[in-house]
Amino acid sequence: MTTLSSFHVTNNQNGQEINLIPQDITGAVYLTQMVISLSFYSVRNGFNSKLHIDGTDLFIPEGTYSHLSLRDALRDILTAYDPNFNVQFNGNQDKFTITRNSSFTVDFTLSDPSTYRLLGYNQTSLSGTSIESTNSPRLRDSFLKLQLETDSYEVRPYIKKIIFPIIGSFRDNMVYYDPNGTLALVGRGQITKLKVSILDENDNLIDLRFGDYFLYLHKSKV
């Protein structure tokens, strides 16, 4: 296996093309390692920001939160809507509880697709004067997806584009991903460009907010 290219992409507009030194490829291109800056927000519009409550859409501001700052943000939007709401977080049980002195309904099926995961609920409609989460809040994406697409590979019967999950370790404000030799692209012909797209679990392009990533590619014959 020989090195194809290694990249440090800065001030990234996610989904951009990377120019490669033109190479003739017959065989496989492997992603051997990827490191992504945790510059993107954990709460994002269209992903896990909208909360549908009593027929009204409320929005948690985009940002990155701890359990307590998320509690405060949720309390702020709910009390702005109705001052009788309250939100508590139990650190021992790792659960949120939303309360009001009269019955209310939270419908996570009409909220953003991952709001229920963020707050630790199930994706359903819940009613009552006190609604406690059933799971631990998910303050970070459980996984990302990486889409690689070349410009010049023959399409059939070869693979020109692939999407696969990035299930990596989160440390030092970075995501470290080692696919252990995952086969990324197979084909033949000349490759001059590589389009790299980092997606959320719902296949939406993530705004990396001009964060960096490192990408390491190798090639070998198959």
N, C-alpha and C. Protein backbone atom coordinates (compact mmCIF):
# COMPACT_ATOMS: atom_id res chain seq x y z
N MET A 1 0.86 -1.19 0.00
CA MET A 1 0.00 0.00 0.00
C MET A 1 0.89 1.23 0.00
N THR A 2 0.65 2.18 -0.86
CA THR A 2 1.47 3.38 -0.97
C THR A 2 0.62 4.62 -0.70
N THR A 3 1.30 5.66 -0.28
CA THR A 3 0.59 6.90 0.05
C THR A 3 0.07 7.57 -1.22
N LEU A 4 -1.21 7.88 -1.23
CA LEU A 4 -1.80 8.67 -2.31
C LEU A 4 -1.68 10.15 -1.98
N SER A 5 -2.25 10.54 -0.86
CA SER A 5 -2.20 11.94 -0.44
C SER A 5 -2.54 12.03 1.03
N SER A 6 -2.06 13.07 1.68
CA SER A 6 -2.52 13.44 3.01
C SER A 6 -2.85 14.93 2.96
N PHE A 7 -3.91 15.32 3.64
CA PHE A 7 -4.42 16.68 3.54
C PHE A 7 -4.64 17.26 4.93
N HIS A 8 -4.33 18.54 5.08
CA HIS A 8 -4.78 19.32 6.22
C HIS A 8 -5.62 20.44 5.63
N VAL A 9 -6.92 20.30 5.74
CA VAL A 9 -7.85 21.26 5.13
C VAL A 9 -8.27 22.26 6.20
N THR A 10 -7.97 23.53 5.97
CA THR A 10 -8.28 24.57 6.95
C THR A 10 -9.36 25.49 6.41
N ASN A 11 -10.03 26.17 7.35
CA ASN A 11 -11.11 27.10 6.98
C ASN A 11 -12.05 26.45 5.97
N ASN A 12 -12.46 25.24 6.33
CA ASN A 12 -13.15 24.39 5.36
C ASN A 12 -14.60 24.80 5.13
N GLN A 13 -14.96 24.87 3.86
CA GLN A 13 -16.37 24.90 3.47
C GLN A 13 -16.74 23.46 3.18
N ASN A 14 -17.49 22.86 4.07
CA ASN A 14 -17.78 21.43 3.95
C ASN A 14 -18.42 21.12 2.60
N GLY A 15 -17.97 20.03 1.99
CA GLY A 15 -18.47 19.66 0.68
C GLY A 15 -17.63 20.18 -0.46
N GLN A 16 -16.48 20.78 -0.15
CA GLN A 16 -15.63 21.32 -1.19
C GLN A 16 -14.82 20.21 -1.85
N GLU A 17 -14.26 20.52 -3.01
CA GLU A 17 -13.40 19.60 -3.71
C GLU A 17 -11.94 19.88 -3.35
N ILE A 18 -11.17 18.81 -3.23
CA ILE A 18 -9.73 18.91 -3.00
C ILE A 18 -9.03 18.54 -4.29
N ASN A 19 -8.11 19.38 -4.73
CA ASN A 19 -7.34 19.09 -5.93
C ASN A 19 -6.18 18.15 -5.60
N LEU A 20 -6.05 17.09 -6.36
CA LEU A 20 -4.99 16.12 -6.18
C LEU A 20 -3.97 16.26 -7.30
N ILE A 21 -2.76 15.81 -7.03
CA ILE A 21 -1.82 15.64 -8.14
C ILE A 21 -2.37 14.52 -9.01
N PRO A 22 -2.61 14.78 -10.30
CA PRO A 22 -3.25 13.75 -11.13
C PRO A 22 -2.49 12.42 -11.07
N GLN A 23 -3.23 11.36 -10.82
CA GLN A 23 -2.64 10.04 -10.75
C GLN A 23 -3.54 9.06 -11.47
N ASP A 24 -2.91 8.10 -12.15
CA ASP A 24 -3.67 7.01 -12.74
C ASP A 24 -3.85 5.93 -11.69
N ILE A 25 -5.09 5.56 -11.48
CA ILE A 25 -5.42 4.60 -10.43
C ILE A 25 -6.09 3.39 -11.06
N THR A 26 -5.61 2.23 -10.72
CA THR A 26 -6.35 1.00 -10.99
C THR A 26 -6.31 0.20 -9.71
N GLY A 27 -7.43 0.08 -9.06
CA GLY A 27 -7.46 -0.62 -7.79
C GLY A 27 -8.28 0.13 -6.77
N ALA A 28 -7.73 0.24 -5.56
CA ALA A 28 -8.51 0.76 -4.44
C ALA A 28 -7.82 1.97 -3.82
N VAL A 29 -8.65 2.92 -3.37
CA VAL A 29 -8.19 4.05 -2.57
C VAL A 29 -8.77 3.86 -1.18
N TYR A 30 -7.91 3.81 -0.17
CA TYR A 30 -8.32 3.58 1.20
C TYR A 30 -8.20 4.86 2.01
N LEU A 31 -9.19 5.08 2.86
CA LEU A 31 -9.05 6.09 3.90
C LEU A 31 -8.42 5.41 5.10
N THR A 32 -7.25 5.84 5.52
CA THR A 32 -6.58 5.20 6.64
C THR A 32 -6.75 5.94 7.95
N GLN A 33 -6.98 7.24 7.89
CA GLN A 33 -7.21 7.99 9.12
C GLN A 33 -7.86 9.32 8.79
N MET A 34 -8.71 9.80 9.70
CA MET A 34 -9.31 11.12 9.55
C MET A 34 -9.42 11.75 10.93
N VAL A 35 -9.10 13.03 11.02
CA VAL A 35 -9.21 13.78 12.26
C VAL A 35 -10.00 15.05 11.95
N ILE A 36 -11.09 15.26 12.68
CA ILE A 36 -11.99 16.39 12.42
C ILE A 36 -12.05 17.28 13.65
N SER A 37 -11.87 18.56 13.46
CA SER A 37 -12.02 19.50 14.56
C SER A 37 -13.47 19.57 15.01
N LEU A 38 -13.68 19.58 16.33
CA LEU A 38 -15.04 19.71 16.87
C LEU A 38 -15.44 21.18 16.88
N SER A 39 -15.37 21.79 15.72
CA SER A 39 -15.72 23.20 15.59
C SER A 39 -17.21 23.39 15.32
N PHE A 40 -17.88 22.31 14.89
CA PHE A 40 -19.29 22.43 14.55
C PHE A 40 -20.14 22.35 15.82
N TYR A 41 -21.31 23.00 15.76
CA TYR A 41 -22.20 23.04 16.92
C TYR A 41 -22.82 21.67 17.17
N SER A 42 -23.06 21.36 18.43
CA SER A 42 -23.77 20.12 18.76
C SER A 42 -25.28 20.30 18.63
N VAL A 43 -25.77 21.53 18.79
CA VAL A 43 -27.19 21.84 18.52
C VAL A 43 -27.23 22.67 17.25
N ARG A 44 -27.93 22.14 16.24
CA ARG A 44 -27.94 22.78 14.93
C ARG A 44 -29.36 22.85 14.38
N ASN A 45 -29.65 23.96 13.71
CA ASN A 45 -30.96 24.13 13.10
C ASN A 45 -31.22 23.01 12.10
N GLY A 46 -32.42 22.46 12.14
CA GLY A 46 -32.80 21.40 11.23
C GLY A 46 -32.36 20.02 11.66
N PHE A 47 -31.55 19.95 12.72
CA PHE A 47 -31.05 18.66 13.22
C PHE A 47 -31.62 18.34 14.59
N ASN A 48 -31.45 19.24 15.56
CA ASN A 48 -31.93 18.96 16.92
C ASN A 48 -32.25 20.24 17.69
N SER A 49 -32.65 21.28 16.97
CA SER A 49 -32.93 22.56 17.60
C SER A 49 -34.42 22.76 17.90
N LYS A 50 -35.27 22.30 17.00
CA LYS A 50 -36.72 22.57 17.12
C LYS A 50 -37.38 21.62 18.12
N LEU A 51 -38.19 22.20 19.00
CA LEU A 51 -38.99 21.44 19.97
C LEU A 51 -40.45 21.82 19.75
N HIS A 52 -41.28 20.83 19.45
CA HIS A 52 -42.71 21.08 19.18
C HIS A 52 -43.50 20.82 20.46
N ILE A 53 -44.05 21.89 21.03
CA ILE A 53 -44.74 21.78 22.31
C ILE A 53 -46.07 22.53 22.25
N ASP A 54 -47.14 21.84 22.61
CA ASP A 54 -48.49 22.41 22.58
C ASP A 54 -48.81 23.05 21.23
N GLY A 55 -48.36 22.40 20.16
CA GLY A 55 -48.66 22.89 18.81
C GLY A 55 -47.80 24.05 18.35
N THR A 56 -46.79 24.42 19.14
CA THR A 56 -45.92 25.54 18.81
C THR A 56 -44.48 25.07 18.67
N ASP A 57 -43.79 25.60 17.67
CA ASP A 57 -42.39 25.27 17.48
C ASP A 57 -41.51 26.26 18.26
N LEU A 58 -40.71 25.74 19.17
CA LEU A 58 -39.73 26.53 19.90
C LEU A 58 -38.34 26.06 19.49
N PHE A 59 -37.34 26.93 19.59
CA PHE A 59 -36.03 26.61 19.05
C PHE A 59 -34.94 26.86 20.09
N ILE A 60 -34.18 25.82 20.38
CA ILE A 60 -32.98 25.94 21.20
C ILE A 60 -31.91 26.62 20.34
N PRO A 61 -31.29 27.68 20.80
CA PRO A 61 -30.29 28.36 19.96
C PRO A 61 -29.14 27.42 19.59
N GLU A 62 -28.64 27.60 18.37
CA GLU A 62 -27.50 26.81 17.95
C GLU A 62 -26.31 27.06 18.88
N GLY A 63 -25.55 26.01 19.15
CA GLY A 63 -24.38 26.15 20.02
C GLY A 63 -23.93 24.80 20.51
N THR A 64 -22.92 24.82 21.37
CA THR A 64 -22.42 23.61 22.01
C THR A 64 -22.67 23.75 23.51
N TYR A 65 -23.26 22.73 24.11
CA TYR A 65 -23.78 22.84 25.47
C TYR A 65 -23.23 21.76 26.38
N SER A 66 -23.17 22.10 27.67
CA SER A 66 -23.05 21.11 28.72
C SER A 66 -24.47 20.74 29.17
N HIS A 67 -24.59 19.77 30.07
CA HIS A 67 -25.91 19.42 30.57
C HIS A 67 -26.59 20.62 31.22
N LEU A 68 -25.85 21.38 32.01
CA LEU A 68 -26.46 22.49 32.74
C LEU A 68 -26.76 23.67 31.83
N SER A 69 -25.88 23.95 30.88
CA SER A 69 -26.18 25.06 29.97
C SER A 69 -27.33 24.71 29.03
N LEU A 70 -27.47 23.42 28.68
CA LEU A 70 -28.63 23.00 27.89
C LEU A 70 -29.91 23.11 28.70
N ARG A 71 -29.84 22.75 29.98
CA ARG A 71 -30.99 22.95 30.87
C ARG A 71 -31.41 24.41 30.89
N ASP A 72 -30.45 25.30 31.02
CA ASP A 72 -30.76 26.73 31.10
C ASP A 72 -31.34 27.25 29.78
N ALA A 73 -30.79 26.78 28.65
CA ALA A 73 -31.30 27.22 27.35
C ALA A 73 -32.72 26.72 27.13
N LEU A 74 -32.97 25.47 27.52
CA LEU A 74 -34.31 24.91 27.39
C LEU A 74 -35.29 25.63 28.29
N ARG A 75 -34.86 25.94 29.51
CA ARG A 75 -35.72 26.68 30.44
C ARG A 75 -36.02 28.07 29.89
N ASP A 76 -35.05 28.71 29.28
CA ASP A 76 -35.24 30.07 28.75
C ASP A 76 -36.31 30.08 27.65
N ILE A 77 -36.23 29.13 26.71
CA ILE A 77 -37.20 29.18 25.61
C ILE A 77 -38.59 28.77 26.09
N LEU A 78 -38.66 27.87 27.08
CA LEU A 78 -39.97 27.45 27.58
C LEU A 78 -40.63 28.52 28.45
N THR A 79 -39.87 29.16 29.31
CA THR A 79 -40.47 30.20 30.16
C THR A 79 -40.79 31.47 29.36
N ALA A 80 -40.07 31.68 28.26
CA ALA A 80 -40.44 32.80 27.38
C ALA A 80 -41.78 32.52 26.72
N TYR A 81 -42.05 31.25 26.46
CA TYR A 81 -43.33 30.85 25.87
C TYR A 81 -44.44 30.84 26.93
N ASP A 82 -44.12 30.32 28.12
CA ASP A 82 -45.08 30.25 29.22
C ASP A 82 -44.27 30.25 30.52
N PRO A 83 -44.37 31.29 31.34
CA PRO A 83 -43.55 31.39 32.56
C PRO A 83 -43.84 30.30 33.59
N ASN A 84 -44.88 29.51 33.39
CA ASN A 84 -45.20 28.43 34.33
C ASN A 84 -44.37 27.16 34.08
N PHE A 85 -43.57 27.15 33.01
CA PHE A 85 -42.71 26.00 32.76
C PHE A 85 -41.47 26.04 33.66
N ASN A 86 -40.94 24.86 33.91
CA ASN A 86 -39.65 24.75 34.57
C ASN A 86 -38.91 23.54 34.00
N VAL A 87 -37.60 23.58 34.07
CA VAL A 87 -36.77 22.47 33.58
C VAL A 87 -35.72 22.17 34.64
N GLN A 88 -35.58 20.89 34.98
CA GLN A 88 -34.57 20.45 35.91
C GLN A 88 -33.69 19.39 35.25
N PHE A 89 -32.43 19.32 35.70
CA PHE A 89 -31.56 18.23 35.27
C PHE A 89 -31.01 17.54 36.50
N ASN A 90 -31.22 16.23 36.56
CA ASN A 90 -30.72 15.41 37.67
C ASN A 90 -29.42 14.76 37.24
N GLY A 91 -28.31 15.26 37.78
CA GLY A 91 -27.02 14.76 37.37
C GLY A 91 -26.77 13.33 37.80
N ASN A 92 -27.38 12.89 38.91
CA ASN A 92 -27.20 11.52 39.38
C ASN A 92 -27.87 10.51 38.45
N GLN A 93 -29.06 10.90 37.96
CA GLN A 93 -29.80 10.01 37.06
C GLN A 93 -29.57 10.33 35.58
N ASP A 94 -28.90 11.48 35.32
CA ASP A 94 -28.61 11.90 33.95
C ASP A 94 -29.90 12.07 33.15
N LYS A 95 -30.86 12.81 33.73
CA LYS A 95 -32.17 12.95 33.10
C LYS A 95 -32.67 14.39 33.23
N PHE A 96 -33.40 14.83 32.18
CA PHE A 96 -34.12 16.09 32.20
C PHE A 96 -35.56 15.84 32.64
N THR A 97 -36.14 16.84 33.31
CA THR A 97 -37.56 16.82 33.63
C THR A 97 -38.15 18.19 33.29
N ILE A 98 -39.20 18.18 32.47
CA ILE A 98 -39.93 19.40 32.11
C ILE A 98 -41.24 19.39 32.86
N THR A 99 -41.57 20.48 33.54
CA THR A 99 -42.79 20.54 34.33
C THR A 99 -43.56 21.82 34.04
N ARG A 100 -44.88 21.73 34.28
CA ARG A 100 -45.77 22.90 34.26
C ARG A 100 -46.94 22.60 35.17
N ASN A 101 -47.57 23.62 35.72
CA ASN A 101 -48.67 23.38 36.65
C ASN A 101 -49.95 22.95 35.95
N SER A 102 -49.97 22.95 34.63
CA SER A 102 -51.09 22.39 33.87
C SER A 102 -50.54 21.48 32.78
N SER A 103 -51.36 20.58 32.30
CA SER A 103 -50.89 19.57 31.35
C SER A 103 -50.41 20.21 30.03
N PHE A 104 -49.38 19.62 29.46
CA PHE A 104 -48.85 20.08 28.17
C PHE A 104 -48.42 18.86 27.37
N THR A 105 -48.17 19.07 26.10
CA THR A 105 -47.78 17.98 25.20
C THR A 105 -46.50 18.35 24.46
N VAL A 106 -45.53 17.47 24.52
CA VAL A 106 -44.32 17.60 23.73
C VAL A 106 -44.36 16.50 22.67
N ASP A 107 -44.30 16.90 21.41
CA ASP A 107 -44.36 15.93 20.32
C ASP A 107 -43.00 15.88 19.62
N PHE A 108 -42.24 14.85 19.93
CA PHE A 108 -40.91 14.72 19.34
C PHE A 108 -40.96 14.21 17.90
N THR A 109 -42.11 13.73 17.46
CA THR A 109 -42.23 13.34 16.05
C THR A 109 -42.35 14.55 15.14
N LEU A 110 -42.74 15.71 15.70
CA LEU A 110 -42.87 16.95 14.93
C LEU A 110 -41.73 17.93 15.24
N SER A 111 -40.82 17.52 16.10
CA SER A 111 -39.63 18.31 16.38
C SER A 111 -38.57 17.99 15.35
N ASP A 112 -37.39 18.61 15.44
CA ASP A 112 -36.29 18.21 14.58
C ASP A 112 -36.00 16.73 14.78
N PRO A 113 -35.45 16.06 13.77
CA PRO A 113 -35.34 14.59 13.83
C PRO A 113 -34.46 14.06 14.95
N SER A 114 -33.56 14.88 15.51
CA SER A 114 -32.68 14.38 16.57
C SER A 114 -32.84 15.15 17.89
N THR A 115 -33.91 15.94 18.02
CA THR A 115 -34.13 16.66 19.28
C THR A 115 -34.37 15.69 20.43
N TYR A 116 -35.10 14.63 20.15
CA TYR A 116 -35.40 13.67 21.22
C TYR A 116 -34.11 13.02 21.75
N ARG A 117 -33.15 12.76 20.86
CA ARG A 117 -31.88 12.19 21.31
C ARG A 117 -31.09 13.20 22.15
N LEU A 118 -31.10 14.45 21.72
CA LEU A 118 -30.39 15.49 22.45
C LEU A 118 -30.85 15.56 23.90
N LEU A 119 -32.17 15.48 24.12
CA LEU A 119 -32.74 15.65 25.45
C LEU A 119 -32.94 14.33 26.19
N GLY A 120 -32.72 13.20 25.52
CA GLY A 120 -32.82 11.91 26.19
C GLY A 120 -34.22 11.31 26.24
N TYR A 121 -35.09 11.74 25.32
CA TYR A 121 -36.44 11.19 25.27
C TYR A 121 -36.55 10.16 24.15
N ASN A 122 -37.71 9.54 24.04
CA ASN A 122 -38.01 8.69 22.90
C ASN A 122 -38.74 9.52 21.85
N GLN A 123 -38.68 9.07 20.60
CA GLN A 123 -39.30 9.83 19.52
C GLN A 123 -40.79 9.53 19.47
N THR A 124 -41.52 10.21 20.32
CA THR A 124 -42.95 9.99 20.45
C THR A 124 -43.59 11.29 20.95
N SER A 125 -44.90 11.25 21.18
CA SER A 125 -45.62 12.38 21.76
C SER A 125 -45.91 12.07 23.21
N LEU A 126 -45.61 13.03 24.10
CA LEU A 126 -45.76 12.83 25.54
C LEU A 126 -46.60 13.96 26.12
N SER A 127 -47.48 13.61 27.06
CA SER A 127 -48.35 14.61 27.69
C SER A 127 -48.34 14.42 29.19
N GLY A 128 -48.58 15.52 29.92
CA GLY A 128 -48.66 15.47 31.37
C GLY A 128 -48.22 16.79 31.97
N THR A 129 -48.16 16.85 33.30
CA THR A 129 -47.66 18.04 33.99
C THR A 129 -46.17 17.91 34.32
N SER A 130 -45.63 16.70 34.22
CA SER A 130 -44.21 16.45 34.46
C SER A 130 -43.75 15.35 33.51
N ILE A 131 -42.78 15.69 32.65
CA ILE A 131 -42.30 14.73 31.65
C ILE A 131 -40.81 14.55 31.85
N GLU A 132 -40.43 13.33 32.24
CA GLU A 132 -39.02 13.02 32.53
C GLU A 132 -38.43 12.24 31.36
N SER A 133 -37.20 12.55 31.03
CA SER A 133 -36.53 11.81 29.96
C SER A 133 -36.26 10.38 30.41
N THR A 134 -36.15 9.49 29.43
CA THR A 134 -35.95 8.07 29.73
C THR A 134 -34.52 7.62 29.45
N ASN A 135 -33.76 8.43 28.72
CA ASN A 135 -32.40 8.06 28.34
C ASN A 135 -31.45 9.19 28.72
N SER A 136 -30.16 8.92 28.62
CA SER A 136 -29.17 9.96 28.85
C SER A 136 -29.17 10.95 27.69
N PRO A 137 -29.05 12.23 27.95
CA PRO A 137 -28.98 13.21 26.86
C PRO A 137 -27.77 12.93 25.97
N ARG A 138 -27.93 13.22 24.70
CA ARG A 138 -26.84 13.04 23.74
C ARG A 138 -26.38 14.42 23.30
N LEU A 139 -25.31 14.89 23.93
CA LEU A 139 -24.83 16.25 23.69
C LEU A 139 -23.89 16.33 22.51
N ARG A 140 -23.51 15.19 21.95
CA ARG A 140 -22.69 15.14 20.74
C ARG A 140 -23.32 14.17 19.76
N ASP A 141 -23.04 14.36 18.48
CA ASP A 141 -23.51 13.42 17.47
C ASP A 141 -23.01 12.02 17.84
N SER A 142 -23.90 11.03 17.74
CA SER A 142 -23.49 9.66 18.02
C SER A 142 -22.53 9.17 16.95
N PHE A 143 -22.73 9.63 15.74
CA PHE A 143 -21.77 9.35 14.68
C PHE A 143 -21.96 10.36 13.56
N LEU A 144 -20.94 10.52 12.77
CA LEU A 144 -20.99 11.35 11.57
C LEU A 144 -20.91 10.42 10.37
N LYS A 145 -21.08 10.97 9.19
CA LYS A 145 -20.90 10.21 7.96
C LYS A 145 -19.92 10.96 7.06
N LEU A 146 -19.10 10.20 6.40
CA LEU A 146 -18.15 10.78 5.46
C LEU A 146 -18.52 10.34 4.06
N GLN A 147 -18.69 11.30 3.17
CA GLN A 147 -18.96 10.99 1.76
C GLN A 147 -17.74 11.39 0.94
N LEU A 148 -17.19 10.43 0.25
CA LEU A 148 -16.07 10.67 -0.65
C LEU A 148 -16.55 10.46 -2.07
N GLU A 149 -16.19 11.36 -2.97
CA GLU A 149 -16.58 11.24 -4.37
C GLU A 149 -15.44 11.74 -5.24
N THR A 150 -15.06 10.93 -6.23
CA THR A 150 -14.00 11.32 -7.15
C THR A 150 -14.60 11.88 -8.43
N ASP A 151 -13.75 12.53 -9.21
CA ASP A 151 -14.22 13.15 -10.44
C ASP A 151 -14.08 12.23 -11.64
N SER A 152 -13.14 11.27 -11.61
CA SER A 152 -12.72 10.65 -12.86
C SER A 152 -12.82 9.13 -12.90
N TYR A 153 -13.16 8.51 -11.80
CA TYR A 153 -13.28 7.06 -11.84
C TYR A 153 -14.40 6.64 -12.78
N GLU A 154 -14.20 5.52 -13.47
CA GLU A 154 -15.30 4.94 -14.21
C GLU A 154 -16.36 4.48 -13.22
N VAL A 155 -17.61 4.73 -13.56
CA VAL A 155 -18.67 4.55 -12.58
C VAL A 155 -19.04 3.08 -12.41
N ARG A 156 -19.24 2.34 -13.48
CA ARG A 156 -19.69 0.95 -13.36
C ARG A 156 -18.71 0.01 -14.04
N PRO A 157 -18.42 -1.10 -13.39
CA PRO A 157 -18.98 -1.63 -12.14
C PRO A 157 -18.18 -1.19 -10.93
N TYR A 158 -17.57 -0.01 -11.01
CA TYR A 158 -16.69 0.45 -9.94
C TYR A 158 -17.43 1.42 -9.02
N ILE A 159 -16.86 1.65 -7.86
CA ILE A 159 -17.48 2.53 -6.87
C ILE A 159 -16.87 3.91 -6.98
N LYS A 160 -17.70 4.90 -7.31
CA LYS A 160 -17.23 6.28 -7.47
C LYS A 160 -17.52 7.12 -6.23
N LYS A 161 -18.54 6.75 -5.49
CA LYS A 161 -18.93 7.52 -4.32
C LYS A 161 -19.30 6.56 -3.21
N ILE A 162 -18.94 6.88 -2.00
CA ILE A 162 -19.30 6.03 -0.88
C ILE A 162 -19.62 6.90 0.33
N ILE A 163 -20.58 6.45 1.12
CA ILE A 163 -20.91 7.09 2.39
C ILE A 163 -20.77 6.03 3.48
N PHE A 164 -20.01 6.34 4.51
CA PHE A 164 -19.91 5.38 5.60
C PHE A 164 -19.78 6.13 6.92
N PRO A 165 -20.16 5.49 8.02
CA PRO A 165 -20.19 6.20 9.30
C PRO A 165 -18.80 6.44 9.86
N ILE A 166 -18.65 7.59 10.49
CA ILE A 166 -17.45 7.91 11.26
C ILE A 166 -17.80 7.70 12.73
N ILE A 167 -17.42 6.57 13.26
CA ILE A 167 -17.64 6.30 14.67
C ILE A 167 -16.28 6.39 15.33
N GLY A 168 -15.94 7.57 15.79
CA GLY A 168 -14.59 7.83 16.27
C GLY A 168 -14.55 8.20 17.73
N SER A 169 -13.36 8.39 18.25
CA SER A 169 -13.19 8.81 19.63
C SER A 169 -13.14 10.34 19.69
N PHE A 170 -13.78 10.89 20.70
CA PHE A 170 -13.85 12.33 20.88
C PHE A 170 -12.89 12.72 22.01
N ARG A 171 -11.83 13.48 21.69
CA ARG A 171 -10.93 13.95 22.72
C ARG A 171 -10.19 15.19 22.19
N ASP A 172 -9.80 16.04 23.13
CA ASP A 172 -9.04 17.25 22.78
C ASP A 172 -9.73 18.07 21.70
N ASN A 173 -11.09 18.13 21.77
CA ASN A 173 -11.87 18.91 20.81
C ASN A 173 -11.68 18.44 19.37
N MET A 174 -11.39 17.15 19.20
CA MET A 174 -11.23 16.56 17.87
C MET A 174 -11.97 15.23 17.84
N VAL A 175 -12.34 14.81 16.63
CA VAL A 175 -12.84 13.46 16.40
C VAL A 175 -11.74 12.68 15.70
N TYR A 176 -11.32 11.58 16.30
CA TYR A 176 -10.29 10.74 15.70
C TYR A 176 -10.96 9.49 15.13
N TYR A 177 -10.74 9.26 13.85
CA TYR A 177 -11.40 8.14 13.18
C TYR A 177 -10.37 7.28 12.48
N ASP A 178 -10.33 6.01 12.83
CA ASP A 178 -9.44 5.05 12.19
C ASP A 178 -10.29 3.90 11.65
N PRO A 179 -10.51 3.88 10.33
CA PRO A 179 -11.41 2.86 9.76
C PRO A 179 -10.77 1.49 9.62
N ASN A 180 -9.51 1.34 10.02
CA ASN A 180 -8.85 0.05 9.95
C ASN A 180 -8.87 -0.53 8.55
N GLY A 181 -8.49 0.29 7.59
CA GLY A 181 -8.38 -0.21 6.22
C GLY A 181 -9.70 -0.34 5.49
N THR A 182 -10.69 0.42 5.91
CA THR A 182 -11.98 0.38 5.21
C THR A 182 -11.79 0.73 3.74
N LEU A 183 -12.33 -0.11 2.87
CA LEU A 183 -12.26 0.16 1.43
C LEU A 183 -13.15 1.35 1.11
N ALA A 184 -12.55 2.39 0.56
CA ALA A 184 -13.31 3.60 0.30
C ALA A 184 -13.79 3.67 -1.15
N LEU A 185 -12.88 3.59 -2.11
CA LEU A 185 -13.24 3.78 -3.51
C LEU A 185 -12.49 2.75 -4.35
N VAL A 186 -13.15 2.23 -5.35
CA VAL A 186 -12.53 1.27 -6.26
C VAL A 186 -12.81 1.69 -7.69
N GLY A 187 -11.79 1.64 -8.53
CA GLY A 187 -12.04 2.00 -9.92
C GLY A 187 -10.78 2.00 -10.74
N ARG A 188 -10.84 2.65 -11.87
CA ARG A 188 -9.66 2.80 -12.71
C ARG A 188 -9.81 4.09 -13.49
N GLY A 189 -8.70 4.63 -13.94
CA GLY A 189 -8.71 5.89 -14.65
C GLY A 189 -7.91 6.92 -13.87
N GLN A 190 -7.98 8.16 -14.28
CA GLN A 190 -7.21 9.21 -13.62
C GLN A 190 -8.07 9.94 -12.61
N ILE A 191 -7.51 10.15 -11.44
CA ILE A 191 -8.21 10.88 -10.39
C ILE A 191 -7.49 12.21 -10.18
N THR A 192 -8.22 13.30 -10.24
CA THR A 192 -7.63 14.64 -10.06
C THR A 192 -8.31 15.42 -8.94
N LYS A 193 -9.50 15.03 -8.57
CA LYS A 193 -10.23 15.75 -7.53
C LYS A 193 -10.89 14.75 -6.59
N LEU A 194 -11.06 15.17 -5.36
CA LEU A 194 -11.78 14.38 -4.37
C LEU A 194 -12.72 15.32 -3.63
N LYS A 195 -14.00 15.00 -3.67
CA LYS A 195 -14.99 15.80 -2.93
C LYS A 195 -15.24 15.14 -1.59
N VAL A 196 -15.04 15.90 -0.53
CA VAL A 196 -15.19 15.40 0.83
C VAL A 196 -16.37 16.08 1.48
N SER A 197 -17.34 15.30 1.95
CA SER A 197 -18.52 15.86 2.61
C SER A 197 -18.71 15.15 3.94
N ILE A 198 -18.81 15.92 5.02
CA ILE A 198 -19.05 15.37 6.35
C ILE A 198 -20.52 15.62 6.68
N LEU A 199 -21.25 14.54 6.92
CA LEU A 199 -22.71 14.58 7.10
C LEU A 199 -23.08 14.18 8.51
N ASP A 200 -24.28 14.61 8.95
CA ASP A 200 -24.78 14.11 10.22
C ASP A 200 -25.48 12.78 9.99
N GLU A 201 -26.02 12.21 11.05
CA GLU A 201 -26.62 10.88 10.95
C GLU A 201 -27.89 10.89 10.10
N ASN A 202 -28.43 12.09 9.81
CA ASN A 202 -29.61 12.21 8.95
C ASN A 202 -29.24 12.63 7.53
N ASP A 203 -27.94 12.53 7.19
CA ASP A 203 -27.41 12.80 5.85
C ASP A 203 -27.44 14.29 5.48
N ASN A 204 -27.46 15.17 6.48
CA ASN A 204 -27.37 16.61 6.22
C ASN A 204 -25.91 17.05 6.28
N LEU A 205 -25.53 17.93 5.36
CA LEU A 205 -24.19 18.49 5.36
C LEU A 205 -24.00 19.35 6.61
N ILE A 206 -22.92 19.11 7.35
CA ILE A 206 -22.66 19.82 8.60
C ILE A 206 -21.88 21.10 8.32
N ASP A 207 -22.30 22.17 8.95
CA ASP A 207 -21.54 23.42 8.91
C ASP A 207 -20.39 23.29 9.89
N LEU A 208 -19.18 23.10 9.39
CA LEU A 208 -18.01 22.93 10.25
C LEU A 208 -17.53 24.25 10.85
N ARG A 209 -18.15 25.35 10.45
CA ARG A 209 -17.79 26.67 10.99
C ARG A 209 -16.30 26.93 10.81
N PHE A 210 -15.83 26.61 9.60
CA PHE A 210 -14.45 26.86 9.21
C PHE A 210 -13.43 26.09 10.07
N GLY A 211 -13.86 24.93 10.56
CA GLY A 211 -12.94 24.07 11.29
C GLY A 211 -12.02 23.31 10.34
N ASP A 212 -11.00 22.70 10.93
CA ASP A 212 -10.01 21.96 10.16
C ASP A 212 -10.36 20.47 10.14
N TYR A 213 -9.81 19.77 9.15
CA TYR A 213 -9.76 18.31 9.26
C TYR A 213 -8.51 17.81 8.55
N PHE A 214 -8.09 16.63 8.98
CA PHE A 214 -6.95 15.93 8.39
C PHE A 214 -7.47 14.67 7.73
N LEU A 215 -7.00 14.38 6.54
CA LEU A 215 -7.45 13.23 5.77
C LEU A 215 -6.22 12.51 5.22
N TYR A 216 -6.16 11.19 5.43
CA TYR A 216 -5.02 10.40 4.97
C TYR A 216 -5.54 9.29 4.04
N LEU A 217 -5.07 9.31 2.80
CA LEU A 217 -5.50 8.33 1.80
C LEU A 217 -4.31 7.51 1.34
N HIS A 218 -4.56 6.23 1.08
CA HIS A 218 -3.56 5.36 0.50
C HIS A 218 -4.17 4.60 -0.67
N LYS A 219 -3.35 4.04 -1.51
CA LYS A 219 -3.84 3.28 -2.67
C LYS A 219 -3.14 1.94 -2.72
N SER A 220 -3.83 0.98 -3.30
CA SER A 220 -3.23 -0.33 -3.56
C SER A 220 -4.03 -1.01 -4.65
N LYS A 221 -3.47 -1.96 -5.31
CA LYS A 221 -4.17 -2.72 -6.32
C LYS A 221 -5.06 -3.77 -5.66
N VAL A 222 -6.16 -4.13 -6.35
CA VAL A 222 -7.02 -5.20 -5.86
C VAL A 222 -7.08 -6.29 -6.88
